[in-house]
């Protein structure tokens, strides 16, 4: 993998997701979608995940390429 595009959104998990995450319905969660690519630009991984909103934080490192 050379590069990945990841989107994080906040929303309300479905009733089934809330049950699996052991949270009350109506509790917020993080929704991650990531696509990873190899050097040629071919996508090699696609991930969607839902996380509890009360147990995670998001940390980003932003860099500039010249």
N, C-alpha and C. Protein backbone atom coordinates (compact mmCIF):
# COMPACT_ATOMS: atom_id res chain seq x y z
N UNK A 1 0.84 -1.17 0.00
CA UNK A 1 0.00 0.00 0.00
C UNK A 1 0.89 1.24 0.00
N UNK A 2 0.54 2.19 -0.83
CA UNK A 2 1.29 3.42 -0.93
C UNK A 2 0.50 4.61 -0.40
N UNK A 3 -0.80 4.58 -0.63
CA UNK A 3 -1.65 5.69 -0.21
C UNK A 3 -3.02 5.16 0.17
N UNK A 4 -3.69 5.87 1.04
CA UNK A 4 -5.04 5.48 1.43
C UNK A 4 -5.89 6.74 1.59
N UNK A 5 -7.12 6.64 1.17
CA UNK A 5 -8.11 7.70 1.38
C UNK A 5 -9.04 7.21 2.48
N UNK A 6 -9.19 8.02 3.52
CA UNK A 6 -10.05 7.62 4.63
C UNK A 6 -11.00 8.76 4.96
N UNK A 7 -12.25 8.42 5.12
CA UNK A 7 -13.29 9.37 5.49
C UNK A 7 -13.86 8.94 6.83
N UNK A 8 -14.01 9.89 7.74
CA UNK A 8 -14.60 9.62 9.05
C UNK A 8 -15.82 10.51 9.19
N UNK A 9 -16.94 9.90 9.53
CA UNK A 9 -18.18 10.65 9.75
C UNK A 9 -18.74 10.27 11.11
N UNK A 10 -19.49 11.16 11.69
CA UNK A 10 -20.19 10.88 12.93
C UNK A 10 -21.67 10.69 12.60
N UNK A 11 -22.27 9.70 13.21
CA UNK A 11 -23.68 9.44 12.97
C UNK A 11 -24.23 8.51 14.02
N UNK A 12 -25.44 8.03 13.76
CA UNK A 12 -26.10 7.12 14.69
C UNK A 12 -26.05 5.70 14.12
N UNK A 13 -25.41 4.79 14.83
CA UNK A 13 -25.40 3.40 14.39
C UNK A 13 -26.81 2.83 14.32
N UNK A 14 -26.99 1.84 13.47
CA UNK A 14 -28.28 1.15 13.38
C UNK A 14 -28.54 0.40 14.69
N UNK A 15 -29.74 -0.08 14.86
CA UNK A 15 -30.09 -0.84 16.07
C UNK A 15 -29.19 -2.07 16.20
N UNK A 16 -28.93 -2.75 15.09
CA UNK A 16 -28.07 -3.93 15.12
C UNK A 16 -26.63 -3.56 15.49
N UNK A 17 -26.11 -2.47 14.90
CA UNK A 17 -24.76 -2.03 15.24
C UNK A 17 -24.66 -1.62 16.70
N UNK A 18 -25.68 -0.92 17.19
CA UNK A 18 -25.67 -0.51 18.61
C UNK A 18 -25.64 -1.73 19.51
N UNK A 19 -26.38 -2.75 19.17
CA UNK A 19 -26.37 -3.97 19.97
C UNK A 19 -24.99 -4.62 19.96
N UNK A 20 -24.38 -4.72 18.77
CA UNK A 20 -23.04 -5.32 18.66
C UNK A 20 -21.98 -4.50 19.40
N UNK A 21 -22.14 -3.19 19.39
CA UNK A 21 -21.19 -2.30 20.06
C UNK A 21 -21.49 -2.14 21.55
N UNK A 22 -22.62 -2.70 21.98
CA UNK A 22 -23.06 -2.61 23.38
C UNK A 22 -23.23 -1.17 23.82
N UNK A 23 -23.96 -0.42 22.99
CA UNK A 23 -24.30 0.96 23.33
C UNK A 23 -25.81 1.13 23.19
N UNK A 24 -26.33 2.16 23.81
CA UNK A 24 -27.77 2.44 23.72
C UNK A 24 -28.10 2.93 22.31
N UNK A 25 -29.28 2.55 21.82
CA UNK A 25 -29.73 3.08 20.54
C UNK A 25 -29.79 4.60 20.65
N UNK A 26 -29.38 5.28 19.61
CA UNK A 26 -29.36 6.74 19.61
C UNK A 26 -28.03 7.32 20.07
N UNK A 27 -27.09 6.45 20.50
CA UNK A 27 -25.76 6.93 20.87
C UNK A 27 -24.94 7.17 19.61
N UNK A 28 -24.12 8.22 19.59
CA UNK A 28 -23.34 8.51 18.39
C UNK A 28 -22.19 7.52 18.18
N UNK A 29 -21.79 7.40 16.94
CA UNK A 29 -20.67 6.54 16.59
C UNK A 29 -19.85 7.16 15.48
N UNK A 30 -18.65 6.61 15.27
CA UNK A 30 -17.80 7.02 14.16
C UNK A 30 -17.94 6.00 13.04
N UNK A 31 -18.07 6.48 11.82
CA UNK A 31 -18.15 5.63 10.64
C UNK A 31 -16.92 5.89 9.78
N UNK A 32 -16.09 4.86 9.61
CA UNK A 32 -14.85 4.96 8.83
C UNK A 32 -15.03 4.25 7.49
N UNK A 33 -14.56 4.89 6.43
CA UNK A 33 -14.48 4.26 5.12
C UNK A 33 -13.08 4.53 4.60
N UNK A 34 -12.36 3.47 4.22
CA UNK A 34 -10.98 3.64 3.76
C UNK A 34 -10.76 2.79 2.51
N UNK A 35 -10.09 3.38 1.53
CA UNK A 35 -9.64 2.66 0.34
C UNK A 35 -8.14 2.87 0.23
N UNK A 36 -7.41 1.76 0.12
CA UNK A 36 -5.95 1.80 0.02
C UNK A 36 -5.53 1.41 -1.38
N UNK A 37 -4.43 2.03 -1.85
CA UNK A 37 -3.96 1.84 -3.22
C UNK A 37 -2.48 1.47 -3.23
N UNK A 38 -2.08 0.72 -4.25
CA UNK A 38 -0.66 0.44 -4.48
C UNK A 38 -0.09 1.52 -5.41
N UNK A 39 1.21 1.44 -5.67
CA UNK A 39 1.91 2.46 -6.46
C UNK A 39 1.25 2.73 -7.81
N UNK A 40 0.74 1.70 -8.46
CA UNK A 40 0.13 1.86 -9.78
C UNK A 40 -1.23 2.56 -9.73
N UNK A 41 -1.77 2.75 -8.53
CA UNK A 41 -3.09 3.37 -8.39
C UNK A 41 -4.21 2.36 -8.24
N UNK A 42 -3.87 1.08 -8.31
CA UNK A 42 -4.88 0.03 -8.19
C UNK A 42 -5.33 -0.07 -6.73
N UNK A 43 -6.66 -0.05 -6.49
CA UNK A 43 -7.14 -0.22 -5.12
C UNK A 43 -6.94 -1.67 -4.66
N UNK A 44 -6.44 -1.84 -3.44
CA UNK A 44 -6.17 -3.19 -2.93
C UNK A 44 -6.91 -3.49 -1.63
N UNK A 45 -7.57 -2.49 -1.07
CA UNK A 45 -8.29 -2.71 0.18
C UNK A 45 -9.42 -1.70 0.27
N UNK A 46 -10.57 -2.16 0.73
CA UNK A 46 -11.69 -1.26 1.01
C UNK A 46 -12.28 -1.69 2.35
N UNK A 47 -12.35 -0.75 3.28
CA UNK A 47 -12.79 -1.06 4.64
C UNK A 47 -13.90 -0.10 5.05
N UNK A 48 -14.93 -0.65 5.65
CA UNK A 48 -15.93 0.17 6.32
C UNK A 48 -16.03 -0.36 7.75
N UNK A 49 -16.08 0.55 8.70
CA UNK A 49 -16.12 0.16 10.11
C UNK A 49 -16.92 1.16 10.91
N UNK A 50 -17.54 0.68 11.97
CA UNK A 50 -18.29 1.53 12.90
C UNK A 50 -17.68 1.37 14.28
N UNK A 51 -17.38 2.49 14.92
CA UNK A 51 -16.78 2.51 16.24
C UNK A 51 -17.68 3.25 17.22
N UNK A 52 -17.59 2.86 18.47
CA UNK A 52 -18.30 3.58 19.53
C UNK A 52 -17.79 5.01 19.59
N UNK A 53 -18.69 5.95 19.81
CA UNK A 53 -18.30 7.34 19.90
C UNK A 53 -17.73 7.74 21.25
N UNK A 54 -17.94 6.91 22.25
CA UNK A 54 -17.51 7.27 23.61
C UNK A 54 -16.17 6.68 24.02
N UNK A 55 -15.54 5.92 23.15
CA UNK A 55 -14.30 5.25 23.54
C UNK A 55 -13.13 5.50 22.59
N UNK A 56 -13.32 6.31 21.59
CA UNK A 56 -12.27 6.52 20.61
C UNK A 56 -12.06 8.01 20.39
N UNK A 57 -10.86 8.34 19.98
CA UNK A 57 -10.56 9.68 19.52
C UNK A 57 -9.81 9.56 18.21
N UNK A 58 -9.85 10.58 17.42
CA UNK A 58 -9.21 10.57 16.12
C UNK A 58 -8.02 11.51 16.19
N UNK A 59 -6.85 11.01 15.80
CA UNK A 59 -5.63 11.80 15.76
C UNK A 59 -5.11 11.77 14.33
N UNK A 60 -4.85 12.92 13.77
CA UNK A 60 -4.35 13.01 12.40
C UNK A 60 -3.00 13.69 12.39
N UNK A 61 -2.11 13.22 11.55
CA UNK A 61 -0.85 13.92 11.28
C UNK A 61 -0.93 14.40 9.84
N UNK A 62 -0.82 15.67 9.66
CA UNK A 62 -0.90 16.27 8.33
C UNK A 62 0.50 16.69 7.90
N UNK A 63 0.91 16.25 6.73
CA UNK A 63 2.23 16.60 6.22
C UNK A 63 2.09 17.21 4.83
N UNK A 64 3.06 17.97 4.46
CA UNK A 64 3.08 18.60 3.16
C UNK A 64 4.16 17.97 2.30
N UNK A 65 3.81 17.60 1.10
CA UNK A 65 4.79 17.04 0.18
C UNK A 65 5.17 18.13 -0.82
N UNK A 66 6.46 18.28 -1.06
CA UNK A 66 6.92 19.29 -2.02
C UNK A 66 7.04 18.71 -3.39
